[in-house]
Structures are given as C-alpha cells and as structure tokens.
C-alpha cells in the first residue's frame, strides 16, 4: 500500500524528550503513515533509543548523519519521504491523536492549499504562560499574518511535498525556516489554510536551539527582516510595514505589554489557560 502521509522530524541530543512526540505520533488515529526521523549527529543516548523504537515499529525510519543543521536535516528527511503530504513534528512537542487524520482530510478536500496549520496549546516556560493560539483560517488572513508574525506552528504544519519541491525546499540560514518556506510556497500560488481545532502542544524552552543560538533582540531583528520579505514578495499593502517596525518596540517591552501588543496590534488570538 502506498504511503499518503510522511511525518518528518529532526533531533539533536533529544533523550530527555522521548515522552513527547514519540508516543503522540505512534498513537495517531490515522496509522497508515511513515515517520522519517533524522538524528542530526546526537552525542547522547538518542541514537540508541531511536533504534530500539524503530525495531518495534516499522513505520519509523531513522536516518543517522553528521551535524547538518535544521534546514539541511529537514530537507534530507523529506527527500527520503514517500508521502504525498509531509507532516512536520518537532521532537519535543506533542500532536493530538486526530491531527494527521484531520490535516490529511483537509488537504484532500482543498487541492489549492499547499500547507495547513491548526490551533495549538502553547506551554511557554520563558514567559511562564499557558494559552491556546488560534491562527486565522482563511488564506487571505494567513497571508497578511506573515507581515506580522509566523502564521502558525511549524511543529503542527502539514504540507504537500509537491509544494516543497516547487519552492526548492527549506532554505538556509537555520532560523525561521518555516515562514521562509511558507513565503516561497505562497509566492508560487499555493494557498495557506488552518483548521480551527486544537491539534497539539508546542513547548517553548530557554534551552531550545532557537533560544540558545540567537539572542532575543537578534531573533526579533531576523523576524522583522522576514516580515519585510513577506510584504515585498507577496505584494502585501505597504502600510503593513508598521508591523516589522513595531517588532523593535515589542522586544524591549515588559511581559504584560507584550501580551497586549500580540493580542491587539498583531491580532493574535490567544485563549489564556
């Protein structure tokens, strides 16, 4: 039987997170998938632990390599994937049991959509906050969203391999690989979609790759540049340039003001838990 959906994951030294993505994906309601995991040069017990799981569940295929970095490791996983659809899954996050089924059905019924996201629970260790983020559902609103922020969680996004191929895959540098790809897909004419159902959990840690390798102000500047790229390449209204400019103000604001700015100026729908 041909594989319709491939889950892809990259991991580097992830032994403390084996209680997150592994059980959540292997216990999906839709079980006719393959799972490509790229071990990106781990130096802890991750390779051995992955090998043990792969011997028990043939849906899981582990690719071992030297340190490639995020973008190259993702591209390597997808190049080896058989599925028509690619479901990204970060190793330290969780997908709810209905995720693959609902996103597969959505892409089947919306052939113009190249990528679909969903609502998701955010567990933010840095801000000590817990809330549900609810991206807009229409293509038009998701397009304009890219002038403000990353429109939905990469870890819970599923896209067409065809769209990834046409876009030339993930591009480097290794930060903001998701929104850079979404911009390229949208520029090619693919629509963006999102399911208004909470389908997983995204954990934000101070020791994550993103937070360890990029200072906060540096991250905000990088995102601001990508926002400008979205405005230019997707031909969004020029007045939306206020959003990347506002990001510089945002990064120096107190926590309470940041929540207010996200939910008012940026229009982020968040349900506090």
Protein backbone atom coordinates (compact mmCIF):
# COMPACT_ATOMS: atom_id res chain seq x y z
CA UNK A 1 0.00 0.00 0.00
CA UNK A 2 1.36 3.41 -0.97
CA UNK A 3 2.12 5.93 1.78
CA UNK A 4 -0.02 9.09 1.62
CA UNK A 5 1.47 11.00 4.53
CA UNK A 6 5.01 11.08 5.89
CA UNK A 7 5.85 12.55 9.29
CA UNK A 8 9.31 14.14 9.41
CA UNK A 9 11.35 15.01 12.50
CA UNK A 10 14.90 16.13 13.17
CA UNK A 11 16.53 15.65 16.54
CA UNK A 12 19.83 16.51 18.18
CA UNK A 13 20.50 15.22 21.71
CA UNK A 14 16.84 14.69 22.49
CA UNK A 15 16.96 11.88 25.05
CA UNK A 16 15.02 13.89 27.67
CA UNK A 17 12.09 14.40 25.27
CA UNK A 18 11.20 10.80 24.40
CA UNK A 19 7.91 11.21 26.27
CA UNK A 20 6.73 13.94 23.87
CA UNK A 21 6.49 13.32 20.11
CA UNK A 22 7.21 9.57 20.07
CA UNK A 23 4.02 8.37 21.83
CA UNK A 24 1.91 11.16 20.34
CA UNK A 25 2.71 10.18 16.74
CA UNK A 26 2.76 6.41 17.19
CA UNK A 27 -0.72 6.60 18.76
CA UNK A 28 -2.39 8.63 15.99
CA UNK A 29 -5.93 7.64 14.95
CA UNK A 30 -4.71 7.53 11.35
CA UNK A 31 -1.94 4.94 11.37
CA UNK A 32 -1.05 4.35 7.68
CA UNK A 33 1.96 6.68 7.70
CA UNK A 34 5.72 6.52 7.74
CA UNK A 35 7.86 8.52 10.14
CA UNK A 36 11.27 9.71 8.98
CA UNK A 37 13.47 10.82 11.88
CA UNK A 38 16.86 12.35 11.14
CA UNK A 39 19.27 12.04 14.04
CA UNK A 40 21.40 15.10 13.39
CA UNK A 41 24.65 13.92 14.95
CA UNK A 42 23.43 13.36 18.52
CA UNK A 43 26.12 12.68 21.12
CA UNK A 44 23.79 11.44 23.90
CA UNK A 45 21.68 8.27 24.04
CA UNK A 46 19.24 9.43 21.34
CA UNK A 47 20.55 7.16 18.53
CA UNK A 48 20.33 4.02 20.67
CA UNK A 49 16.86 4.88 21.97
CA UNK A 50 15.59 5.61 18.44
CA UNK A 51 16.99 2.32 17.19
CA UNK A 52 15.11 0.40 19.89
CA UNK A 53 11.81 2.02 18.95
CA UNK A 54 12.40 1.53 15.21
CA UNK A 55 12.92 -2.21 15.69
CA UNK A 56 9.46 -2.42 17.32
CA UNK A 57 7.51 -0.17 14.92
CA UNK A 58 8.29 -0.47 11.22
CA UNK A 59 6.58 2.85 10.43
CA UNK A 60 9.58 4.60 11.96
CA UNK A 61 12.70 5.01 9.82
CA UNK A 62 15.78 6.58 11.40
CA UNK A 63 18.44 8.28 9.30
CA UNK A 64 21.75 8.88 11.08
CA UNK A 65 24.07 11.63 9.88
CA UNK A 66 26.74 14.06 10.96
CA UNK A 67 25.63 17.51 12.08
CA UNK A 68 23.70 19.01 9.15
CA UNK A 69 21.75 21.77 10.85
CA UNK A 70 17.99 22.27 10.91
CA UNK A 71 17.27 23.16 7.27
CA UNK A 72 19.51 20.52 5.68
CA UNK A 73 18.28 17.84 8.08
CA UNK A 74 14.63 18.63 7.24
CA UNK A 75 15.36 18.54 3.51
CA UNK A 76 17.18 15.22 3.96
CA UNK A 77 14.16 13.75 5.73
CA UNK A 78 11.71 14.91 3.06
CA UNK A 79 13.94 13.72 0.22
CA UNK A 80 13.64 10.24 1.73
CA UNK A 81 9.89 10.50 2.36
CA UNK A 82 7.39 8.63 0.19
CA UNK A 83 4.28 10.54 1.19
CA UNK A 84 2.26 12.99 -0.89
CA UNK A 85 1.84 15.03 2.30
CA UNK A 86 4.59 15.97 4.77
CA UNK A 87 3.67 16.45 8.45
CA UNK A 88 6.39 18.22 10.38
CA UNK A 89 6.77 17.18 14.01
CA UNK A 90 9.31 18.69 16.39
CA UNK A 91 10.80 16.10 18.70
CA UNK A 92 9.94 18.00 21.90
CA UNK A 93 6.30 18.76 21.00
CA UNK A 94 3.03 16.80 21.02
CA UNK A 95 0.41 16.02 18.37
CA UNK A 96 -3.08 15.02 19.49
CA UNK A 97 -4.44 11.69 18.16
CA UNK A 98 -6.66 13.23 15.47
CA UNK A 99 -4.01 15.54 13.98
CA UNK A 100 -2.86 13.51 10.97
CA UNK A 101 -6.38 12.38 10.07
CA UNK A 102 -7.85 15.89 10.08
CA UNK A 103 -4.98 17.54 8.22
CA UNK A 104 -4.88 14.79 5.59
CA UNK A 105 -8.64 15.13 5.03
CA UNK A 106 -8.31 18.92 4.80
CA UNK A 107 -5.60 18.74 2.11
CA UNK A 108 -7.57 16.09 0.22
CA UNK A 109 -10.60 18.37 0.09
CA UNK A 110 -8.70 21.64 -0.60
CA UNK A 111 -6.39 20.95 -3.59
CA UNK A 112 -5.36 24.62 -3.82
CA UNK A 113 -3.95 24.60 -0.28
CA UNK A 114 -0.23 23.87 -0.07
CA UNK A 115 0.08 23.92 3.71
CA UNK A 116 -2.32 23.58 6.62
CA UNK A 117 -1.86 24.50 10.27
CA UNK A 118 -4.19 24.38 13.29
CA UNK A 119 -4.91 25.79 16.74
CA UNK A 120 -2.37 24.70 19.35
CA UNK A 121 -1.63 24.90 23.05
CA UNK A 122 1.50 26.88 23.92
CA UNK A 123 3.44 25.97 27.06
CA UNK A 124 5.82 28.93 27.41
CA UNK A 125 8.47 28.26 30.04
CA UNK A 126 10.19 31.59 29.40
CA UNK A 127 7.11 33.77 29.93
CA UNK A 128 5.56 31.33 32.41
CA UNK A 129 2.36 31.36 30.35
CA UNK A 130 -0.04 28.73 29.02
CA UNK A 131 -2.54 29.57 26.30
CA UNK A 132 -4.18 28.32 23.10
CA UNK A 133 -3.12 30.14 19.95
CA UNK A 134 -5.77 30.32 17.23
CA UNK A 135 -4.48 31.30 13.78
CA UNK A 136 -6.92 32.71 11.22
CA UNK A 137 -8.47 30.15 8.89
CA UNK A 138 -8.66 31.99 5.57
CA UNK A 139 -5.84 32.18 3.04
CA UNK A 140 -6.15 35.97 2.80
CA UNK A 141 -5.78 36.50 6.55
CA UNK A 142 -2.92 34.00 6.81
CA UNK A 143 -1.10 35.83 4.01
CA UNK A 144 -1.35 39.18 5.79
CA UNK A 145 -0.41 37.42 9.02
CA UNK A 146 3.07 36.85 7.60
CA UNK A 147 3.63 40.61 7.73
CA UNK A 148 3.03 40.41 11.49
CA UNK A 149 4.45 37.08 12.70
CA UNK A 150 4.86 33.39 11.90
CA UNK A 151 1.25 32.46 11.00
CA UNK A 152 1.09 29.03 12.66
CA UNK A 153 3.26 26.50 14.46
CA UNK A 154 5.76 24.70 12.25
CA UNK A 155 5.66 21.68 14.53
CA UNK A 156 1.95 21.18 13.69
CA UNK A 157 2.02 22.08 9.99
CA UNK A 158 1.38 19.61 7.15
CA UNK A 159 2.16 20.47 3.54
CA UNK A 160 2.27 18.97 0.07
CA UNK A 161 5.61 17.52 -0.96
CA UNK A 162 4.92 18.94 -4.42
CA UNK A 163 4.78 22.48 -2.98
CA UNK A 164 8.03 21.88 -1.06
CA UNK A 165 9.72 20.67 -4.26
CA UNK A 166 8.50 23.65 -6.28
CA UNK A 167 9.75 26.02 -3.57
CA UNK A 168 13.20 24.44 -3.63
CA UNK A 169 12.90 23.02 -0.12
CA UNK A 170 13.89 24.68 3.12
CA UNK A 171 16.45 27.43 2.67
CA UNK A 172 19.26 28.40 4.99
CA UNK A 173 20.03 30.06 7.40
CA UNK A 174 18.66 27.74 10.06
CA UNK A 175 16.47 30.30 11.82
CA UNK A 176 12.86 30.95 10.71
CA UNK A 177 12.99 28.06 8.25
CA UNK A 178 9.21 27.70 8.45
CA UNK A 179 7.99 31.16 7.44
CA UNK A 180 10.70 31.41 4.78
CA UNK A 181 9.25 28.27 3.18
CA UNK A 182 5.65 29.46 3.56
CA UNK A 183 6.52 32.71 1.74
CA UNK A 184 8.05 30.78 -1.16
CA UNK A 185 5.02 28.49 -1.38
CA UNK A 186 2.56 31.40 -1.29
CA UNK A 187 4.55 33.27 -3.93
CA UNK A 188 4.15 30.22 -6.20
CA UNK A 189 0.37 30.48 -5.82
CA UNK A 190 -0.26 27.85 -3.14
CA UNK A 191 -2.89 28.76 -0.56
CA UNK A 192 -2.44 28.56 3.21
CA UNK A 193 -5.07 27.03 5.48
CA UNK A 194 -5.63 26.29 9.14
CA UNK A 195 -8.05 24.01 10.96
CA UNK A 196 -9.88 25.73 13.87
CA UNK A 197 -9.27 22.79 16.19
CA UNK A 198 -6.53 22.40 18.82
CA UNK A 199 -4.40 19.56 17.47
CA UNK A 200 -1.28 19.65 19.60
CA UNK A 201 1.06 21.29 22.09
CA UNK A 202 4.11 23.45 21.45
CA UNK A 203 6.66 23.86 24.25
CA UNK A 204 8.94 26.90 24.44
CA UNK A 205 12.15 26.28 26.40
CA UNK A 206 15.02 28.62 27.21
CA UNK A 207 17.43 25.84 26.21
CA UNK A 208 15.91 25.22 22.78
CA UNK A 209 18.10 25.60 19.66
CA UNK A 210 16.40 28.86 18.74
CA UNK A 211 16.83 30.48 22.15
CA UNK A 212 20.33 29.15 22.77
CA UNK A 213 21.74 30.25 19.44
CA UNK A 214 20.05 33.62 18.90
CA UNK A 215 19.80 36.48 21.38
CA UNK A 216 16.27 37.81 21.86
CA UNK A 217 16.90 41.15 20.14
CA UNK A 218 18.69 39.32 17.32
CA UNK A 219 15.72 36.97 16.85
CA UNK A 220 13.33 39.90 16.64
CA UNK A 221 15.51 41.62 14.03
CA UNK A 222 15.65 38.43 11.95
CA UNK A 223 11.88 38.06 12.11
CA UNK A 224 11.42 41.72 11.20
CA UNK A 225 13.50 41.21 8.05
CA UNK A 226 11.44 38.17 7.06
CA UNK A 227 8.25 40.17 7.63
CA UNK A 228 9.54 42.81 5.20
CA UNK A 229 10.33 39.99 2.77
CA UNK A 230 6.73 38.75 3.01
CA UNK A 231 5.35 42.26 2.36
CA UNK A 232 7.56 42.69 -0.69
CA UNK A 233 7.35 39.24 -2.29
CA UNK A 234 3.66 38.65 -1.60
CA UNK A 235 2.76 42.19 -2.64
CA UNK A 236 1.04 42.99 0.63
CA UNK A 237 -0.03 46.59 1.38
CA UNK A 238 2.98 48.76 2.15
CA UNK A 239 1.30 50.21 5.24
CA UNK A 240 1.82 46.80 6.84
CA UNK A 241 5.44 47.84 7.25
CA UNK A 242 4.36 49.17 10.63
CA UNK A 243 4.45 45.58 11.92
CA UNK A 244 8.14 44.81 11.33
CA UNK A 245 8.96 48.29 12.60
CA UNK A 246 6.85 47.64 15.69
CA UNK A 247 8.76 44.44 16.41
CA UNK A 248 11.73 46.54 17.53
CA UNK A 249 9.49 48.22 20.11
CA UNK A 250 7.99 44.88 21.12
CA UNK A 251 11.31 43.25 22.03
CA UNK A 252 12.03 45.90 24.68
CA UNK A 253 8.52 45.92 26.20
CA UNK A 254 7.52 44.40 29.59
CA UNK A 255 5.80 40.99 29.55
CA UNK A 256 2.32 42.41 30.21
CA UNK A 257 2.69 44.92 27.37
CA UNK A 258 3.89 42.15 25.02
CA UNK A 259 0.72 40.14 25.63
CA UNK A 260 -1.37 43.25 24.94
CA UNK A 261 0.54 44.03 21.73
CA UNK A 262 0.27 40.43 20.47
CA UNK A 263 -3.49 40.34 21.03
CA UNK A 264 -4.35 43.84 19.82
CA UNK A 265 -1.83 45.32 17.41
CA UNK A 266 -0.70 41.98 15.92
CA UNK A 267 -4.18 40.47 16.20
CA UNK A 268 -3.02 37.20 17.74
CA UNK A 269 -5.96 35.19 19.06
CA UNK A 270 -4.88 33.55 22.31
CA UNK A 271 -7.07 31.88 24.89
CA UNK A 272 -5.30 32.07 28.26
CA UNK A 273 -5.42 28.79 30.19
